[in-house]
């Protein structure tokens, strides 16, 4: 199963923090401190649930809209110029804001430039590096 690595030292730190918040608050996922040690573990129970990619443009839009609404609701004073709502799981998955309960995901505002860097890396992973197909499962590995 494909696995994208998000390296917190090289990737925008705030995006990695969003992912960490979702993993800690979601019992199906492992806390960040354990991921580096067990990311290569072959026992799926030790890695938590896989994400599945969606190429459905309507679902992607619905996920981004729902995540944006959650950002505005949770952080009404934080919206500002140059900021984007960062969400985990990613909008391009079947596990994002429009399809899962609020307790199963995380949102926060981060610099738009940082959010877009991570988005480009995810797009490269889906389309070039791993060729993740619509509906295919993949893992996210955070390396500190």
Protein backbone atom coordinates (compact mmCIF):
# COMPACT_ATOMS: atom_id res chain seq x y z
CA UNK A 1 0.00 0.00 0.00
CA UNK A 2 1.40 3.45 -0.91
CA UNK A 3 2.67 5.70 1.87
CA UNK A 4 3.37 9.44 1.67
CA UNK A 5 5.99 10.74 4.06
CA UNK A 6 5.51 14.18 5.59
CA UNK A 7 8.82 15.30 7.03
CA UNK A 8 8.09 17.92 9.66
CA UNK A 9 11.58 19.43 9.55
CA UNK A 10 11.28 20.12 5.83
CA UNK A 11 7.55 20.57 5.35
CA UNK A 12 5.59 23.48 6.74
CA UNK A 13 5.41 22.82 10.47
CA UNK A 14 1.84 24.07 10.91
CA UNK A 15 0.51 21.55 8.36
CA UNK A 16 2.23 18.75 10.26
CA UNK A 17 0.69 20.06 13.49
CA UNK A 18 -2.79 19.82 11.94
CA UNK A 19 -2.10 16.20 11.06
CA UNK A 20 -0.78 15.58 14.59
CA UNK A 21 -3.91 17.07 16.17
CA UNK A 22 -6.13 14.81 14.08
CA UNK A 23 -4.10 11.71 14.88
CA UNK A 24 -4.06 12.35 18.62
CA UNK A 25 -7.77 13.14 18.82
CA UNK A 26 -8.79 10.24 16.57
CA UNK A 27 -8.51 6.90 18.32
CA UNK A 28 -8.15 5.09 15.00
CA UNK A 29 -4.78 6.77 14.48
CA UNK A 30 -1.54 6.63 16.41
CA UNK A 31 -0.09 9.68 18.20
CA UNK A 32 2.69 11.48 16.35
CA UNK A 33 5.44 10.36 18.73
CA UNK A 34 4.82 6.73 17.76
CA UNK A 35 4.62 7.20 13.99
CA UNK A 36 8.35 7.44 13.31
CA UNK A 37 8.95 4.19 15.17
CA UNK A 38 6.14 2.12 13.65
CA UNK A 39 5.54 3.62 10.22
CA UNK A 40 7.21 0.67 8.52
CA UNK A 41 5.44 -1.84 10.76
CA UNK A 42 3.57 -4.46 8.73
CA UNK A 43 0.77 -4.93 11.27
CA UNK A 44 -2.06 -2.67 10.08
CA UNK A 45 -3.47 -2.56 13.61
CA UNK A 46 -0.33 -0.75 14.72
CA UNK A 47 -0.62 1.91 11.99
CA UNK A 48 -4.25 2.90 12.38
CA UNK A 49 -6.75 3.21 9.55
CA UNK A 50 -5.65 3.89 5.99
CA UNK A 51 -7.03 6.83 4.03
CA UNK A 52 -8.64 6.35 0.61
CA UNK A 53 -8.19 8.73 -2.28
CA UNK A 54 -11.13 10.28 -4.05
CA UNK A 55 -10.97 11.93 -7.46
CA UNK A 56 -14.62 13.01 -7.25
CA UNK A 57 -14.45 16.78 -7.81
CA UNK A 58 -17.82 17.33 -6.10
CA UNK A 59 -16.67 15.47 -2.99
CA UNK A 60 -13.35 17.39 -2.96
CA UNK A 61 -15.28 20.67 -3.14
CA UNK A 62 -17.73 19.55 -0.44
CA UNK A 63 -14.81 18.52 1.79
CA UNK A 64 -13.05 21.87 1.35
CA UNK A 65 -16.30 23.78 1.94
CA UNK A 66 -17.08 21.80 5.12
CA UNK A 67 -13.50 22.18 6.40
CA UNK A 68 -13.61 25.93 5.73
CA UNK A 69 -16.87 26.21 7.65
CA UNK A 70 -15.34 24.33 10.58
CA UNK A 71 -12.33 26.68 10.55
CA UNK A 72 -14.59 29.75 10.58
CA UNK A 73 -16.70 28.27 13.40
CA UNK A 74 -13.78 27.15 15.58
CA UNK A 75 -11.48 30.12 14.92
CA UNK A 76 -13.66 33.11 13.97
CA UNK A 77 -10.99 35.63 14.97
CA UNK A 78 -8.17 33.81 13.13
CA UNK A 79 -9.30 34.18 9.54
CA UNK A 80 -7.12 36.65 7.74
CA UNK A 81 -5.32 37.59 4.59
CA UNK A 82 -2.83 35.00 3.43
CA UNK A 83 -4.27 32.20 5.61
CA UNK A 84 -5.86 28.95 4.42
CA UNK A 85 -7.88 26.40 6.32
CA UNK A 86 -5.69 23.31 6.63
CA UNK A 87 -7.52 20.05 7.21
CA UNK A 88 -6.65 16.46 7.99
CA UNK A 89 -7.63 14.03 6.65
CA UNK A 90 -7.01 15.69 3.30
CA UNK A 91 -9.85 17.04 1.14
CA UNK A 92 -8.89 14.54 -1.58
CA UNK A 93 -9.89 11.59 0.62
CA UNK A 94 -13.11 9.80 1.49
CA UNK A 95 -12.44 10.60 5.16
CA UNK A 96 -12.60 14.41 5.16
CA UNK A 97 -14.91 17.07 6.57
CA UNK A 98 -18.07 16.47 4.55
CA UNK A 99 -18.21 12.73 5.30
CA UNK A 100 -16.87 12.20 8.84
CA UNK A 101 -17.90 13.57 12.22
CA UNK A 102 -16.05 16.62 13.48
CA UNK A 103 -14.36 14.47 16.15
CA UNK A 104 -12.61 12.43 13.42
CA UNK A 105 -10.72 15.29 11.80
CA UNK A 106 -8.75 18.43 12.49
CA UNK A 107 -8.76 21.93 11.01
CA UNK A 108 -6.74 25.09 11.65
CA UNK A 109 -5.63 28.19 9.82
CA UNK A 110 -2.08 28.18 8.47
CA UNK A 111 -0.18 30.32 5.97
CA UNK A 112 -1.62 29.77 2.52
CA UNK A 113 1.87 29.28 1.06
CA UNK A 114 2.55 26.43 3.51
CA UNK A 115 -0.81 24.79 2.85
CA UNK A 116 -0.24 24.96 -0.90
CA UNK A 117 3.25 23.38 -0.59
CA UNK A 118 1.82 20.38 1.19
CA UNK A 119 -1.04 20.22 -1.33
CA UNK A 120 1.42 20.13 -4.23
CA UNK A 121 3.39 17.38 -2.52
CA UNK A 122 0.21 15.36 -1.98
CA UNK A 123 -0.78 15.86 -5.63
CA UNK A 124 2.65 14.69 -6.75
CA UNK A 125 2.32 11.63 -4.51
CA UNK A 126 -1.13 10.78 -5.90
CA UNK A 127 -0.31 11.37 -9.58
CA UNK A 128 3.41 10.72 -10.02
CA UNK A 129 5.26 9.09 -7.14
CA UNK A 130 2.79 6.37 -6.14
CA UNK A 131 0.03 6.58 -8.78
CA UNK A 132 -2.70 6.30 -6.13
CA UNK A 133 -5.95 5.47 -7.92
CA UNK A 134 -9.46 6.59 -7.03
CA UNK A 135 -10.61 4.53 -4.04
CA UNK A 136 -7.14 3.15 -3.34
CA UNK A 137 -5.90 3.11 0.24
CA UNK A 138 -2.74 4.90 1.33
CA UNK A 139 -0.92 5.73 4.56
CA UNK A 140 0.52 8.96 5.88
CA UNK A 141 3.85 8.72 7.69
CA UNK A 142 5.17 11.64 9.71
CA UNK A 143 8.93 11.68 10.23
CA UNK A 144 10.33 14.14 12.74
